[in-house]
Amino acid sequence: MTDIQIQLDRVADDAHLLDVRDLFIEFHTRDGIAKVINGVSYHLDAGEALAVLGESGSGKSVTAQAIMGILDIPPGKIVSGQICYNGRDLLSLPEKERRQVRGKEIAMVFQDALSALNPVFPVGWQISETLRHREGVARADALRRAVELMELVRIPAAKQRLRDYPHEFSGGMRQRVMIAMSLALSPKILIADEPTTALDVTVQAQVMDLLAELRRELHMAMILITHDLGVVADVADRIAVMYAGRIVEHADVHDLYAVQGHPYTKGLIDSIPRLDHKGQELATIQGLPPSLMDIPRGCPFHPRCPYRKDPICSTQVPTDQRLASGTRTSRCHFAKEVLDGTAA
């Protein structure tokens, strides 16, 4: 590769709003070293929505915490990699500069709003405090802005509810308060970490619709972290599927729902209940996710994979294979066969 080509590739990479590059993260515990993130790479462009999908323990939230700079260190340790925002590596920034990015450029909505909100302060105070502390806004102006933010996230009678406490709101309304707080500083990227956890199906749909509307209205990029394929179809542009700390498949959302290029993704899609399969037994993925302190040799998914072929699957770590138009990738030795349905 020529020097000119290397420079062009670097410019192309830096053109992404957010670019996570070959990230490795470990957790040092009493029982040993847990290799939680093992070479994760994905990008996000302005105004785009990326869904990061996978079972619990796959590394979705840890990657988000590293992006936000709120990873507990120790026990966590970022071994290598880069997290570039607007061409700057966030991992190399001093904490003072990193704090300026956190909340103002990249904000996060946590999955448990009741735990994230302070129970002893009214929600209006909590929203306005962000503006007073970070922007130096006067108290009265900050409260007026809090009302506007509560109205933006469709909380009824926002002005009257300004002095209500978190326990006086329903689960769905508490999540809306969290979203309002995250939008207070007008971030360019919103990370929503399991935003519909513990909500009933109707409220889940309302929260996801709200996030989709806000993304369009505010021209904001979004990373949606979830284990539920059912909530991302109408929100995300692309999906990155994680397993054992790796991205195993990456594709346009409609392409991925239509046909899958990795056995794990196929297992997730097949396990979704369908109306046209009434009376049939639900499909499941056999076995359990691996221990991150003892990840299997070769392909981490091979002990659970119905398409495994030894010795290659149990001894060789698969690399990304480009599929279809070239923008789609799958980390499977037999990705092309899985995609076109010829895998045995």
C-alpha atoms as a PDB file:
ATOM      1  CA  MET A   1       0.000   0.000   0.000  1.00  0.00           C
ATOM      2  CA  THR A   2       1.378   3.421  -0.957  1.00  0.00           C
ATOM      3  CA  ASP A   3       1.800   6.365   1.428  1.00  0.00           C
ATOM      4  CA  ILE A   4      -0.893   8.239  -0.526  1.00  0.00           C
ATOM      5  CA  GLN A   5      -3.343   5.349  -0.092  1.00  0.00           C
ATOM      6  CA  ILE A   6      -2.599   5.160   3.645  1.00  0.00           C
ATOM      7  CA  GLN A   7      -3.330   8.899   3.955  1.00  0.00           C
ATOM      8  CA  LEU A   8      -6.566   8.560   1.993  1.00  0.00           C
ATOM      9  CA  ASP A   9      -7.681   5.658   4.206  1.00  0.00           C
ATOM     10  CA  ARG A  10      -6.908   7.693   7.310  1.00  0.00           C
ATOM     11  CA  VAL A  11      -8.968  10.624   6.004  1.00  0.00           C
ATOM     12  CA  ALA A  12     -11.836   8.241   5.221  1.00  0.00           C
ATOM     13  CA  ASP A  13     -11.680   6.780   8.744  1.00  0.00           C
ATOM     14  CA  ASP A  14     -11.592  10.212  10.374  1.00  0.00           C
ATOM     15  CA  ALA A  15     -14.663  11.226   8.351  1.00  0.00           C
ATOM     16  CA  HIS A  16     -16.816   9.129  10.704  1.00  0.00           C
ATOM     17  CA  LEU A  17     -18.354  10.993  13.622  1.00  0.00           C
ATOM     18  CA  LEU A  18     -17.395   8.114  15.941  1.00  0.00           C
ATOM     19  CA  ASP A  19     -14.941   5.360  15.114  1.00  0.00           C
ATOM     20  CA  VAL A  20     -14.176   2.516  17.544  1.00  0.00           C
ATOM     21  CA  ARG A  21     -11.033   0.773  16.323  1.00  0.00           C
ATOM     22  CA  ASP A  22      -9.799  -2.661  17.432  1.00  0.00           C
ATOM     23  CA  LEU A  23     -10.760  -2.167  21.095  1.00  0.00           C
ATOM     24  CA  PHE A  24      -9.569  -4.667  23.721  1.00  0.00           C
ATOM     25  CA  ILE A  25     -10.760  -4.453  27.347  1.00  0.00           C
ATOM     26  CA  GLU A  26     -10.009  -6.778  30.274  1.00  0.00           C
ATOM     27  CA  PHE A  27     -11.389  -7.040  33.797  1.00  0.00           C
ATOM     28  CA  HIS A  28      -8.991  -8.217  36.494  1.00  0.00           C
ATOM     29  CA  THR A  29     -10.883 -10.208  39.115  1.00  0.00           C
ATOM     30  CA  ARG A  30     -10.049 -12.540  41.975  1.00  0.00           C
ATOM     31  CA  ASP A  31     -10.834 -15.500  39.750  1.00  0.00           C
ATOM     32  CA  GLY A  32      -8.656 -14.347  36.874  1.00  0.00           C
ATOM     33  CA  ILE A  33      -8.681 -12.065  33.845  1.00  0.00           C
ATOM     34  CA  ALA A  34     -11.969 -11.714  31.978  1.00  0.00           C
ATOM     35  CA  LYS A  35     -11.379 -10.766  28.336  1.00  0.00           C
ATOM     36  CA  VAL A  36     -14.564  -8.758  27.929  1.00  0.00           C
ATOM     37  CA  ILE A  37     -13.867  -6.906  24.646  1.00  0.00           C
ATOM     38  CA  ASN A  38     -11.749  -8.650  22.021  1.00  0.00           C
ATOM     39  CA  GLY A  39     -11.074  -6.413  19.047  1.00  0.00           C
ATOM     40  CA  VAL A  40     -14.355  -4.517  18.636  1.00  0.00           C
ATOM     41  CA  SER A  41     -14.534  -2.111  15.700  1.00  0.00           C
ATOM     42  CA  TYR A  42     -17.540  -0.113  14.515  1.00  0.00           C
ATOM     43  CA  HIS A  43     -18.323   3.387  13.338  1.00  0.00           C
ATOM     44  CA  LEU A  44     -21.163   5.882  13.472  1.00  0.00           C
ATOM     45  CA  ASP A  45     -21.895   8.731  11.078  1.00  0.00           C
ATOM     46  CA  ALA A  46     -23.787  11.951  11.781  1.00  0.00           C
ATOM     47  CA  GLY A  47     -27.541  11.420  12.032  1.00  0.00           C
ATOM     48  CA  GLU A  48     -27.207   7.642  11.827  1.00  0.00           C
ATOM     49  CA  ALA A  49     -28.581   4.985  14.188  1.00  0.00           C
ATOM     50  CA  LEU A  50     -26.533   1.874  14.948  1.00  0.00           C
ATOM     51  CA  ALA A  51     -28.010  -0.994  16.960  1.00  0.00           C
ATOM     52  CA  VAL A  52     -25.513  -3.096  18.940  1.00  0.00           C
ATOM     53  CA  LEU A  53     -27.129  -6.442  19.556  1.00  0.00           C
ATOM     54  CA  GLY A  54     -26.266  -9.515  21.606  1.00  0.00           C
ATOM     55  CA  GLU A  55     -26.951 -11.621  24.679  1.00  0.00           C
ATOM     56  CA  SER A  56     -26.162 -10.364  28.181  1.00  0.00           C
ATOM     57  CA  GLY A  57     -22.419 -10.474  28.790  1.00  0.00           C
ATOM     58  CA  SER A  58     -21.444 -10.022  25.149  1.00  0.00           C
ATOM     59  CA  GLY A  59     -19.724  -6.691  25.850  1.00  0.00           C
ATOM     60  CA  LYS A  60     -22.282  -4.211  24.496  1.00  0.00           C
ATOM     61  CA  SER A  61     -22.529  -1.992  27.567  1.00  0.00           C
ATOM     62  CA  VAL A  62     -18.808  -2.186  28.394  1.00  0.00           C
ATOM     63  CA  THR A  63     -17.994  -0.770  24.953  1.00  0.00           C
ATOM     64  CA  ALA A  64     -20.476   2.061  25.571  1.00  0.00           C
ATOM     65  CA  GLN A  65     -18.936   2.803  28.977  1.00  0.00           C
ATOM     66  CA  ALA A  66     -15.505   2.999  27.358  1.00  0.00           C
ATOM     67  CA  ILE A  67     -16.871   5.456  24.782  1.00  0.00           C
ATOM     68  CA  MET A  68     -18.376   7.593  27.563  1.00  0.00           C
ATOM     69  CA  GLY A  69     -15.261   7.352  29.722  1.00  0.00           C
ATOM     70  CA  ILE A  70     -17.145   5.916  32.699  1.00  0.00           C
ATOM     71  CA  LEU A  71     -15.562   2.457  32.738  1.00  0.00           C
ATOM     72  CA  ASP A  72     -14.502   1.401  36.235  1.00  0.00           C
ATOM     73  CA  ILE A  73     -10.683   1.319  36.157  1.00  0.00           C
ATOM     74  CA  PRO A  74      -9.775  -0.871  38.052  1.00  0.00           C
ATOM     75  CA  PRO A  75     -11.013  -3.586  37.741  1.00  0.00           C
ATOM     76  CA  GLY A  76     -11.426  -2.699  34.050  1.00  0.00           C
ATOM     77  CA  LYS A  77      -8.406  -2.060  31.848  1.00  0.00           C
ATOM     78  CA  ILE A  78      -8.352  -0.788  28.264  1.00  0.00           C
ATOM     79  CA  VAL A  79      -5.558  -2.888  26.808  1.00  0.00           C
ATOM     80  CA  SER A  80      -5.433  -1.370  23.331  1.00  0.00           C
ATOM     81  CA  GLY A  81      -7.470   0.289  20.614  1.00  0.00           C
ATOM     82  CA  GLN A  82      -8.831   3.722  19.782  1.00  0.00           C
ATOM     83  CA  ILE A  83     -12.142   5.523  20.226  1.00  0.00           C
ATOM     84  CA  CYS A  84     -12.082   8.461  17.798  1.00  0.00           C
ATOM     85  CA  TYR A  85     -14.683  11.219  17.970  1.00  0.00           C
ATOM     86  CA  ASN A  86     -14.425  13.830  15.198  1.00  0.00           C
ATOM     87  CA  GLY A  87     -10.937  12.509  14.474  1.00  0.00           C
ATOM     88  CA  ARG A  88      -9.689  12.801  18.093  1.00  0.00           C
ATOM     89  CA  ASP A  89      -8.791   9.705  20.095  1.00  0.00           C
ATOM     90  CA  LEU A  90     -10.826  10.038  23.288  1.00  0.00           C
ATOM     91  CA  LEU A  91      -8.635   7.499  25.101  1.00  0.00           C
ATOM     92  CA  SER A  92      -5.601   9.799  24.771  1.00  0.00           C
ATOM     93  CA  LEU A  93      -7.356  12.948  26.044  1.00  0.00           C
ATOM     94  CA  PRO A  94      -6.676  14.333  29.547  1.00  0.00           C
ATOM     95  CA  GLU A  95      -9.597  13.815  31.923  1.00  0.00           C
ATOM     96  CA  LYS A  96     -10.477  17.517  31.887  1.00  0.00           C
ATOM     97  CA  GLU A  97     -10.956  17.461  28.094  1.00  0.00           C
ATOM     98  CA  ARG A  98     -12.723  14.110  28.253  1.00  0.00           C
ATOM     99  CA  ARG A  99     -15.217  15.604  30.698  1.00  0.00           C
ATOM    100  CA  GLN A 100     -16.083  18.287  28.143  1.00  0.00           C
ATOM    101  CA  VAL A 101     -17.024  15.589  25.632  1.00  0.00           C
ATOM    102  CA  ARG A 102     -19.040  13.569  28.136  1.00  0.00           C
ATOM    103  CA  GLY A 103     -22.638  14.777  28.186  1.00  0.00           C
ATOM    104  CA  LYS A 104     -22.100  17.695  25.828  1.00  0.00           C
ATOM    105  CA  GLU A 105     -20.928  15.789  22.742  1.00  0.00           C
ATOM    106  CA  ILE A 106     -21.833  12.209  23.671  1.00  0.00           C
ATOM    107  CA  ALA A 107     -24.619  11.479  26.155  1.00  0.00           C
ATOM    108  CA  MET A 108     -26.028   8.243  27.533  1.00  0.00           C
ATOM    109  CA  VAL A 109     -29.424   6.970  28.666  1.00  0.00           C
ATOM    110  CA  PHE A 110     -29.084   4.159  31.206  1.00  0.00           C
ATOM    111  CA  GLN A 111     -31.332   1.132  31.358  1.00  0.00           C
ATOM    112  CA  ASP A 112     -32.610   1.522  34.928  1.00  0.00           C
ATOM    113  CA  ALA A 113     -34.024   5.027  35.239  1.00  0.00           C
ATOM    114  CA  LEU A 114     -35.097   4.537  38.858  1.00  0.00           C
ATOM    115  CA  SER A 115     -31.507   3.783  39.890  1.00  0.00           C
ATOM    116  CA  ALA A 116     -29.995   6.475  37.664  1.00  0.00           C
ATOM    117  CA  LEU A 117     -32.222   9.269  39.004  1.00  0.00           C
ATOM    118  CA  ASN A 118     -31.613  10.711  42.481  1.00  0.00           C
ATOM    119  CA  PRO A 119     -34.663   9.826  44.625  1.00  0.00           C
ATOM    120  CA  VAL A 120     -34.370  12.845  46.948  1.00  0.00           C
ATOM    121  CA  PHE A 121     -34.477  15.621  44.330  1.00  0.00           C
ATOM    122  CA  PRO A 122     -37.360  16.674  42.033  1.00  0.00           C
ATOM    123  CA  VAL A 123     -36.869  15.756  38.386  1.00  0.00           C
ATOM    124  CA  GLY A 124     -36.912  19.424  37.340  1.00  0.00           C
ATOM    125  CA  TRP A 125     -34.023  20.161  39.682  1.00  0.00           C
ATOM    126  CA  GLN A 126     -32.049  17.203  38.301  1.00  0.00           C
ATOM    127  CA  ILE A 127     -32.536  18.260  34.679  1.00  0.00           C
ATOM    128  CA  SER A 128     -31.784  21.946  35.355  1.00  0.00           C
ATOM    129  CA  GLU A 129     -28.713  21.162  37.481  1.00  0.00           C
ATOM    130  CA  THR A 130     -26.930  19.857  34.386  1.00  0.00           C
ATOM    131  CA  LEU A 131     -27.459  23.219  32.673  1.00  0.00           C
ATOM    132  CA  ARG A 132     -26.453  25.242  35.740  1.00  0.00           C
ATOM    133  CA  HIS A 133     -23.295  23.233  36.418  1.00  0.00           C
ATOM    134  CA  ARG A 134     -22.062  22.729  32.847  1.00  0.00           C
ATOM    135  CA  GLU A 135     -23.367  25.840  31.073  1.00  0.00           C
ATOM    136  CA  GLY A 136     -23.612  28.386  33.887  1.00  0.00           C
ATOM    137  CA  VAL A 137     -27.299  29.012  33.158  1.00  0.00           C
ATOM    138  CA  ALA A 138     -29.240  30.983  35.792  1.00  0.00           C
ATOM    139  CA  ARG A 139     -31.635  28.994  37.995  1.00  0.00           C
ATOM    140  CA  ALA A 140     -34.865  30.415  36.545  1.00  0.00           C
ATOM    141  CA  ASP A 141     -33.660  29.997  32.948  1.00  0.00           C
ATOM    142  CA  ALA A 142     -32.493  26.439  33.675  1.00  0.00           C
ATOM    143  CA  LEU A 143     -35.910  25.520  35.082  1.00  0.00           C
ATOM    144  CA  ARG A 144     -37.627  26.991  32.013  1.00  0.00           C
ATOM    145  CA  ARG A 145     -35.328  24.922  29.818  1.00  0.00           C
ATOM    146  CA  ALA A 146     -36.131  21.846  31.932  1.00  0.00           C
ATOM    147  CA  VAL A 147     -39.818  22.340  31.166  1.00  0.00           C
ATOM    148  CA  GLU A 148     -39.012  22.615  27.456  1.00  0.00           C
ATOM    149  CA  LEU A 149     -36.995  19.394  27.584  1.00  0.00           C
ATOM    150  CA  MET A 150     -39.772  17.570  29.412  1.00  0.00           C
ATOM    151  CA  GLU A 151     -42.227  18.746  26.763  1.00  0.00           C
ATOM    152  CA  LEU A 152     -39.782  17.662  24.056  1.00  0.00           C
ATOM    153  CA  VAL A 153     -39.879  14.077  25.371  1.00  0.00           C
ATOM    154  CA  ARG A 154     -43.704  14.211  25.520  1.00  0.00           C
ATOM    155  CA  ILE A 155     -44.220  14.339  29.300  1.00  0.00           C
ATOM    156  CA  PRO A 156     -47.763  15.670  29.850  1.00  0.00           C
ATOM    157  CA  ALA A 157     -48.270  18.740  32.083  1.00  0.00           C
ATOM    158  CA  ALA A 158     -44.503  19.250  32.221  1.00  0.00           C
ATOM    159  CA  LYS A 159     -44.638  22.541  34.132  1.00  0.00           C
ATOM    160  CA  GLN A 160     -46.823  21.038  36.847  1.00  0.00           C
ATOM    161  CA  ARG A 161     -44.638  17.911  37.128  1.00  0.00           C
ATOM    162  CA  LEU A 162     -41.387  19.836  37.435  1.00  0.00           C
ATOM    163  CA  ARG A 163     -41.395  19.452  41.229  1.00  0.00           C
ATOM    164  CA  ASP A 164     -42.402  15.776  41.267  1.00  0.00           C
ATOM    165  CA  TYR A 165     -39.956  13.142  42.484  1.00  0.00           C
ATOM    166  CA  PRO A 166     -38.829  10.103  40.445  1.00  0.00           C
ATOM    167  CA  HIS A 167     -41.027   7.667  42.391  1.00  0.00           C
ATOM    168  CA  GLU A 168     -44.098   9.679  41.367  1.00  0.00           C
ATOM    169  CA  PHE A 169     -43.542   8.826  37.700  1.00  0.00           C
ATOM    170  CA  SER A 170     -44.306   5.571  35.907  1.00  0.00           C
ATOM    171  CA  GLY A 171     -41.454   3.517  34.455  1.00  0.00           C
ATOM    172  CA  GLY A 172     -42.002   4.890  30.969  1.00  0.00           C
ATOM    173  CA  MET A 173     -42.178   8.498  32.203  1.00  0.00           C
ATOM    174  CA  ARG A 174     -39.001   8.041  34.275  1.00  0.00           C
ATOM    175  CA  GLN A 175     -37.240   6.861  31.139  1.00  0.00           C
ATOM    176  CA  ARG A 176     -38.476  10.005  29.355  1.00  0.00           C
ATOM    177  CA  VAL A 177     -37.009  12.105  32.182  1.00  0.00           C
ATOM    178  CA  MET A 178     -33.667  10.334  31.656  1.00  0.00           C
ATOM    179  CA  ILE A 179     -33.835  11.083  27.943  1.00  0.00           C
ATOM    180  CA  ALA A 180     -34.608  14.750  28.710  1.00  0.00           C
ATOM    181  CA  MET A 181     -31.545  14.945  30.979  1.00  0.00           C
ATOM    182  CA  SER A 182     -29.328  13.390  28.310  1.00  0.00           C
ATOM    183  CA  LEU A 183     -30.527  15.944  25.738  1.00  0.00           C
ATOM    184  CA  ALA A 184     -29.959  18.967  27.996  1.00  0.00           C
ATOM    185  CA  LEU A 185     -26.571  19.828  26.475  1.00  0.00           C
ATOM    186  CA  SER A 186     -27.603  19.042  22.862  1.00  0.00           C
ATOM    187  CA  PRO A 187     -25.222  16.096  22.269  1.00  0.00           C
ATOM    188  CA  LYS A 188     -24.225  14.958  18.792  1.00  0.00           C
ATOM    189  CA  ILE A 189     -24.457  11.278  19.819  1.00  0.00           C
ATOM    190  CA  LEU A 190     -26.936   9.603  22.160  1.00  0.00           C
ATOM    191  CA  ILE A 191     -26.134   6.143  23.521  1.00  0.00           C
ATOM    192  CA  ALA A 192     -29.296   4.349  24.670  1.00  0.00           C
ATOM    193  CA  ASP A 193     -28.340   1.338  26.807  1.00  0.00           C
ATOM    194  CA  GLU A 194     -31.278  -1.082  26.955  1.00  0.00           C
ATOM    195  CA  PRO A 195     -33.728   1.842  27.228  1.00  0.00           C
ATOM    196  CA  THR A 196     -36.822  -0.403  27.313  1.00  0.00           C
ATOM    197  CA  THR A 197     -35.719  -2.824  30.048  1.00  0.00           C
ATOM    198  CA  ALA A 198     -38.501  -3.643  32.563  1.00  0.00           C
ATOM    199  CA  LEU A 199     -41.120  -1.742  30.549  1.00  0.00           C
ATOM    200  CA  ASP A 200     -44.253  -3.394  29.200  1.00  0.00           C
ATOM    201  CA  VAL A 201     -44.580  -3.950  25.465  1.00  0.00           C
ATOM    202  CA  THR A 202     -46.787  -0.914  24.794  1.00  0.00           C
ATOM    203  CA  VAL A 203     -44.485   1.454  26.692  1.00  0.00           C
ATOM    204  CA  GLN A 204     -41.440  -0.081  24.964  1.00  0.00           C
ATOM    205  CA  ALA A 205     -42.924   0.848  21.600  1.00  0.00           C
ATOM    206  CA  GLN A 206     -43.651   4.387  22.803  1.00  0.00           C
ATOM    207  CA  VAL A 207     -40.080   4.909  24.066  1.00  0.00           C
ATOM    208  CA  MET A 208     -38.567   3.555  20.848  1.00  0.00           C
ATOM    209  CA  ASP A 209     -40.861   5.745  18.736  1.00  0.00           C
ATOM    210  CA  LEU A 210     -39.825   8.747  20.837  1.00  0.00           C
ATOM    211  CA  LEU A 211     -36.122   8.025  20.324  1.00  0.00           C
ATOM    212  CA  ALA A 212     -36.664   7.680  16.572  1.00  0.00           C
ATOM    213  CA  GLU A 213     -38.573  10.992  16.447  1.00  0.00           C
ATOM    214  CA  LEU A 214     -35.937  12.829  18.503  1.00  0.00           C
ATOM    215  CA  ARG A 215     -33.154  11.531  16.280  1.00  0.00           C
ATOM    216  CA  ARG A 216     -34.914  12.932  13.220  1.00  0.00           C
ATOM    217  CA  GLU A 217     -35.894  16.225  14.845  1.00  0.00           C
ATOM    218  CA  LEU A 218     -32.488  16.949  16.376  1.00  0.00           C
ATOM    219  CA  HIS A 219     -30.376  15.391  13.582  1.00  0.00           C
ATOM    220  CA  MET A 220     -28.636  13.335  16.249  1.00  0.00           C
ATOM    221  CA  ALA A 221     -26.670  10.108  15.844  1.00  0.00           C
ATOM    222  CA  MET A 222     -27.635   7.214  18.108  1.00  0.00           C
ATOM    223  CA  ILE A 223     -26.217   3.936  19.368  1.00  0.00           C
ATOM    224  CA  LEU A 224     -28.972   1.614  20.563  1.00  0.00           C
ATOM    225  CA  ILE A 225     -27.758  -1.210  22.807  1.00  0.00           C
ATOM    226  CA  THR A 226     -30.186  -4.074  23.162  1.00  0.00           C
ATOM    227  CA  HIS A 227     -30.636  -7.842  23.271  1.00  0.00           C
ATOM    228  CA  ASP A 228     -34.117  -7.567  21.753  1.00  0.00           C
ATOM    229  CA  LEU A 229     -34.284  -7.758  17.967  1.00  0.00           C
ATOM    230  CA  GLY A 230     -37.933  -6.757  18.093  1.00  0.00           C
ATOM    231  CA  VAL A 231     -37.233  -3.139  19.116  1.00  0.00           C
ATOM    232  CA  VAL A 232     -34.629  -2.163  16.517  1.00  0.00           C
ATOM    233  CA  ALA A 233     -36.261  -2.816  13.131  1.00  0.00           C
ATOM    234  CA  ASP A 234     -37.912   0.613  12.833  1.00  0.00           C
ATOM    235  CA  VAL A 235     -35.181   2.605  14.576  1.00  0.00           C
ATOM    236  CA  ALA A 236     -31.739   1.468  13.395  1.00  0.00           C
ATOM    237  CA  ASP A 237     -30.005   1.932  10.055  1.00  0.00           C
ATOM    238  CA  ARG A 238     -27.350  -0.712  10.720  1.00  0.00           C
ATOM    239  CA  ILE A 239     -26.875  -3.569  13.178  1.00  0.00           C
ATOM    240  CA  ALA A 240     -23.667  -4.831  14.768  1.00  0.00           C
ATOM    241  CA  VAL A 241     -24.117  -8.236  16.407  1.00  0.00           C
ATOM    242  CA  MET A 242     -21.790  -9.015  19.334  1.00  0.00           C
ATOM    243  CA  TYR A 243     -20.787 -12.362  20.800  1.00  0.00           C
ATOM    244  CA  ALA A 244     -18.088 -13.010  23.433  1.00  0.00           C
ATOM    245  CA  GLY A 245     -16.674  -9.502  23.087  1.00  0.00           C
ATOM    246  CA  ARG A 246     -16.489  -9.521  19.285  1.00  0.00           C
ATOM    247  CA  ILE A 247     -18.561  -8.114  16.420  1.00  0.00           C
ATOM    248  CA  VAL A 248     -19.573 -11.293  14.605  1.00  0.00           C
ATOM    249  CA  GLU A 249     -21.832  -9.714  11.989  1.00  0.00           C
ATOM    250  CA  HIS A 250     -22.433  -6.206  10.700  1.00  0.00           C
ATOM    251  CA  ALA A 251     -25.086  -5.326   8.143  1.00  0.00           C
ATOM    252  CA  ASP A 252     -27.809  -2.950   7.047  1.00  0.00           C
ATOM    253  CA  VAL A 253     -30.864  -3.564   9.217  1.00  0.00           C
ATOM    254  CA  HIS A 254     -33.124  -4.697   6.365  1.00  0.00           C
ATOM    255  CA  ASP A 255     -30.459  -6.981   4.898  1.00  0.00           C
ATOM    256  CA  LEU A 256     -29.835  -8.606   8.257  1.00  0.00           C
ATOM    257  CA  TYR A 257     -33.521  -9.292   8.909  1.00  0.00           C
ATOM    258  CA  ALA A 258     -33.923 -10.732   5.413  1.00  0.00           C
ATOM    259  CA  VAL A 259     -31.023 -13.184   5.559  1.00  0.00           C
ATOM    260  CA  GLN A 260     -28.223 -13.796   8.054  1.00  0.00           C
ATOM    261  CA  GLY A 261     -24.526 -14.382   7.410  1.00  0.00           C
ATOM    262  CA  HIS A 262     -23.520 -15.732  10.836  1.00  0.00           C
ATOM    263  CA  PRO A 263     -24.985 -18.761  12.668  1.00  0.00           C
ATOM    264  CA  TYR A 264     -25.383 -16.754  15.879  1.00  0.00           C
ATOM    265  CA  THR A 265     -27.380 -14.013  14.151  1.00  0.00           C
ATOM    266  CA  LYS A 266     -29.476 -16.664  12.436  1.00  0.00           C
ATOM    267  CA  GLY A 267     -30.186 -18.252  15.812  1.00  0.00           C
ATOM    268  CA  LEU A 268     -31.296 -14.892  17.249  1.00  0.00           C
ATOM    269  CA  ILE A 269     -33.620 -14.200  14.313  1.00  0.00           C
ATOM    270  CA  ASP A 270     -35.086 -17.723  14.354  1.00  0.00           C
ATOM    271  CA  SER A 271     -35.842 -17.423  18.089  1.00  0.00           C
ATOM    272  CA  ILE A 272     -38.229 -14.471  17.568  1.00  0.00           C
ATOM    273  CA  PRO A 273     -41.859 -15.622  18.041  1.00  0.00           C
ATOM    274  CA  ARG A 274     -43.864 -15.361  14.807  1.00  0.00           C
ATOM    275  CA  LEU A 275     -47.594 -15.301  14.219  1.00  0.00           C
ATOM    276  CA  ASP A 276     -47.288 -17.674  11.261  1.00  0.00           C
ATOM    277  CA  HIS A 277     -45.588 -20.277  13.498  1.00  0.00           C
ATOM    278  CA  LYS A 278     -48.515 -20.625  15.880  1.00  0.00           C
ATOM    279  CA  GLY A 279     -48.459 -23.930  17.735  1.00  0.00           C
ATOM    280  CA  GLN A 280     -44.829 -24.647  16.822  1.00  0.00           C
ATOM    281  CA  GLU A 281     -42.016 -24.977  19.337  1.00  0.00           C
ATOM    282  CA  LEU A 282     -39.834 -21.851  19.594  1.00  0.00           C
ATOM    283  CA  ALA A 283     -36.357 -22.179  18.133  1.00  0.00           C
ATOM    284  CA  THR A 284     -33.493 -21.741  20.614  1.00  0.00           C
ATOM    285  CA  ILE A 285     -29.716 -21.440  20.549  1.00  0.00           C
ATOM    286  CA  GLN A 286     -28.326 -24.511  22.275  1.00  0.00           C
ATOM    287  CA  GLY A 287     -25.930 -24.136  25.207  1.00  0.00           C
ATOM    288  CA  LEU A 288     -24.782 -21.036  27.069  1.00  0.00           C
ATOM    289  CA  PRO A 289     -22.497 -18.100  26.230  1.00  0.00           C
ATOM    290  CA  PRO A 290     -18.858 -18.874  27.096  1.00  0.00           C
ATOM    291  CA  SER A 291     -17.074 -17.698  30.216  1.00  0.00           C
ATOM    292  CA  LEU A 292     -15.041 -14.611  29.325  1.00  0.00           C
ATOM    293  CA  MET A 293     -12.246 -16.002  31.497  1.00  0.00           C
ATOM    294  CA  ASP A 294     -12.133 -19.155  29.405  1.00  0.00           C
ATOM    295  CA  ILE A 295     -13.181 -18.321  25.842  1.00  0.00           C
ATOM    296  CA  PRO A 296     -13.073 -21.432  23.604  1.00  0.00           C
ATOM    297  CA  ARG A 297     -10.248 -21.807  21.116  1.00  0.00           C
ATOM    298  CA  GLY A 298     -11.032 -21.134  17.494  1.00  0.00           C
ATOM    299  CA  CYS A 299     -14.450 -19.602  16.887  1.00  0.00           C
ATOM    300  CA  PRO A 300     -15.983 -18.671  20.272  1.00  0.00           C
ATOM    301  CA  PHE A 301     -19.420 -19.734  18.992  1.00  0.00           C
ATOM    302  CA  HIS A 302     -18.375 -23.189  17.760  1.00  0.00           C
ATOM    303  CA  PRO A 303     -19.562 -25.172  20.850  1.00  0.00           C
ATOM    304  CA  ARG A 304     -23.126 -23.929  20.157  1.00  0.00           C
ATOM    305  CA  CYS A 305     -22.996 -23.752  16.370  1.00  0.00           C
ATOM    306  CA  PRO A 306     -25.149 -26.134  14.276  1.00  0.00           C
ATOM    307  CA  TYR A 307     -22.874 -25.540  11.261  1.00  0.00           C
ATOM    308  CA  ARG A 308     -19.518 -26.236  12.953  1.00  0.00           C
ATOM    309  CA  LYS A 309     -16.905 -28.179  11.029  1.00  0.00           C
ATOM    310  CA  ASP A 310     -13.889 -29.503  12.880  1.00  0.00           C
ATOM    311  CA  PRO A 311     -11.012 -29.015  13.073  1.00  0.00           C
ATOM    312  CA  ILE A 312     -11.218 -25.544  11.493  1.00  0.00           C
ATOM    313  CA  CYS A 313     -13.989 -24.157  13.742  1.00  0.00           C
ATOM    314  CA  SER A 314     -12.432 -25.422  16.975  1.00  0.00           C
ATOM    315  CA  THR A 315      -8.849 -24.385  16.218  1.00  0.00           C
ATOM    316  CA  GLN A 316      -8.839 -21.304  13.954  1.00  0.00           C
ATOM    317  CA  VAL A 317     -10.204 -17.890  14.926  1.00  0.00           C
ATOM    318  CA  PRO A 318     -12.357 -16.626  12.018  1.00  0.00           C
ATOM    319  CA  THR A 319     -11.641 -13.252  10.464  1.00  0.00           C
ATOM    320  CA  ASP A 320     -14.147 -10.815   8.996  1.00  0.00           C
ATOM    321  CA  GLN A 321     -15.449 -11.888   5.606  1.00  0.00           C
ATOM    322  CA  ARG A 322     -17.032  -9.287   3.354  1.00  0.00           C
ATOM    323  CA  LEU A 323     -20.395 -10.356   1.989  1.00  0.00           C
ATOM    324  CA  ALA A 324     -22.833  -9.097  -0.631  1.00  0.00           C
ATOM    325  CA  SER A 325     -22.019  -5.517  -1.637  1.00  0.00           C
ATOM    326  CA  GLY A 326     -18.883  -5.402   0.498  1.00  0.00           C
ATOM    327  CA  THR A 327     -20.352  -3.293   3.295  1.00  0.00           C
ATOM    328  CA  ARG A 328     -21.636  -6.378   5.084  1.00  0.00           C
ATOM    329  CA  THR A 329     -19.269  -8.534   7.152  1.00  0.00           C
ATOM    330  CA  SER A 330     -19.465 -11.801   9.071  1.00  0.00           C
ATOM    331  CA  ARG A 331     -16.853 -13.383  11.325  1.00  0.00           C
ATOM    332  CA  CYS A 332     -17.514 -16.997  10.357  1.00  0.00           C
ATOM    333  CA  HIS A 333     -15.401 -19.500   8.414  1.00  0.00           C
ATOM    334  CA  PHE A 334     -18.473 -20.418   6.347  1.00  0.00           C
ATOM    335  CA  ALA A 335     -20.168 -17.019   6.177  1.00  0.00           C
ATOM    336  CA  LYS A 336     -20.942 -17.183   2.460  1.00  0.00           C
ATOM    337  CA  GLU A 337     -22.510 -20.640   2.807  1.00  0.00           C
ATOM    338  CA  VAL A 338     -24.615 -19.518   5.811  1.00  0.00           C
ATOM    339  CA  LEU A 339     -25.747 -16.432   3.888  1.00  0.00           C
ATOM    340  CA  ASP A 340     -26.840 -18.282   0.751  1.00  0.00           C
ATOM    341  CA  GLY A 341     -28.332 -21.221   2.676  1.00  0.00           C
ATOM    342  CA  THR A 342     -25.910 -23.912   1.462  1.00  0.00           C
ATOM    343  CA  ALA A 343     -24.159 -24.485   4.813  1.00  0.00           C
ATOM    344  CA  ALA A 344     -24.618 -28.067   5.973  1.00  0.00           C
END
